[in-house]
């Protein structure tokens, strides 16, 4: 009989401990839930944030080449953007789809849009520091998504000169250089 009483006591203490732990976990997660806008306000005011450059020198060089290309083709009404979230110009037919979740947090280095605001050409600059961590895997996801959405994706490699970059853009967009 004592064993049963002892077992019930241990079980009871264990249940109380588990409930207390669950309460602590819930309290911790609620306090740190990134989806809660009040938490977001607290996070950004408690952290030392600072501005940084949007592009490094070699990315900026490519950006300038692309800007010059846009200017020399102003009759088409193209626009250039940098560091664009793929989820802003590509959607899935299903809400909350895993495909959209797979691309929403990824960015392209540059995006040329047409006069109606639709993506015309996404551009990835493969600079000298590009092959870090799982960059190849991320790039493969980007390439598959762009192919699936019917949006051209152009890769520009470190060291390509201005003429080479402009020729690649001309070829992808179909602009006659003659």
Foldseek 3Di string as FASTA:
>chain_A
DVVVVVVVVVVVVVVVVVVVVVVVVVVVCVCCPPVDVVNVVVVVVVDDDDDDDPDDPQLVVLVVLVVVLCVVVVVFVKDKDAFAQPLVQDDDPDPPDPLSVLRRRDTAGMFIATNVGHTAETEHECEPPQPPDPNVVNVVSVVVRCVVRVHHYYYHYHPDDSVRSSVRVCVSNVPDPD
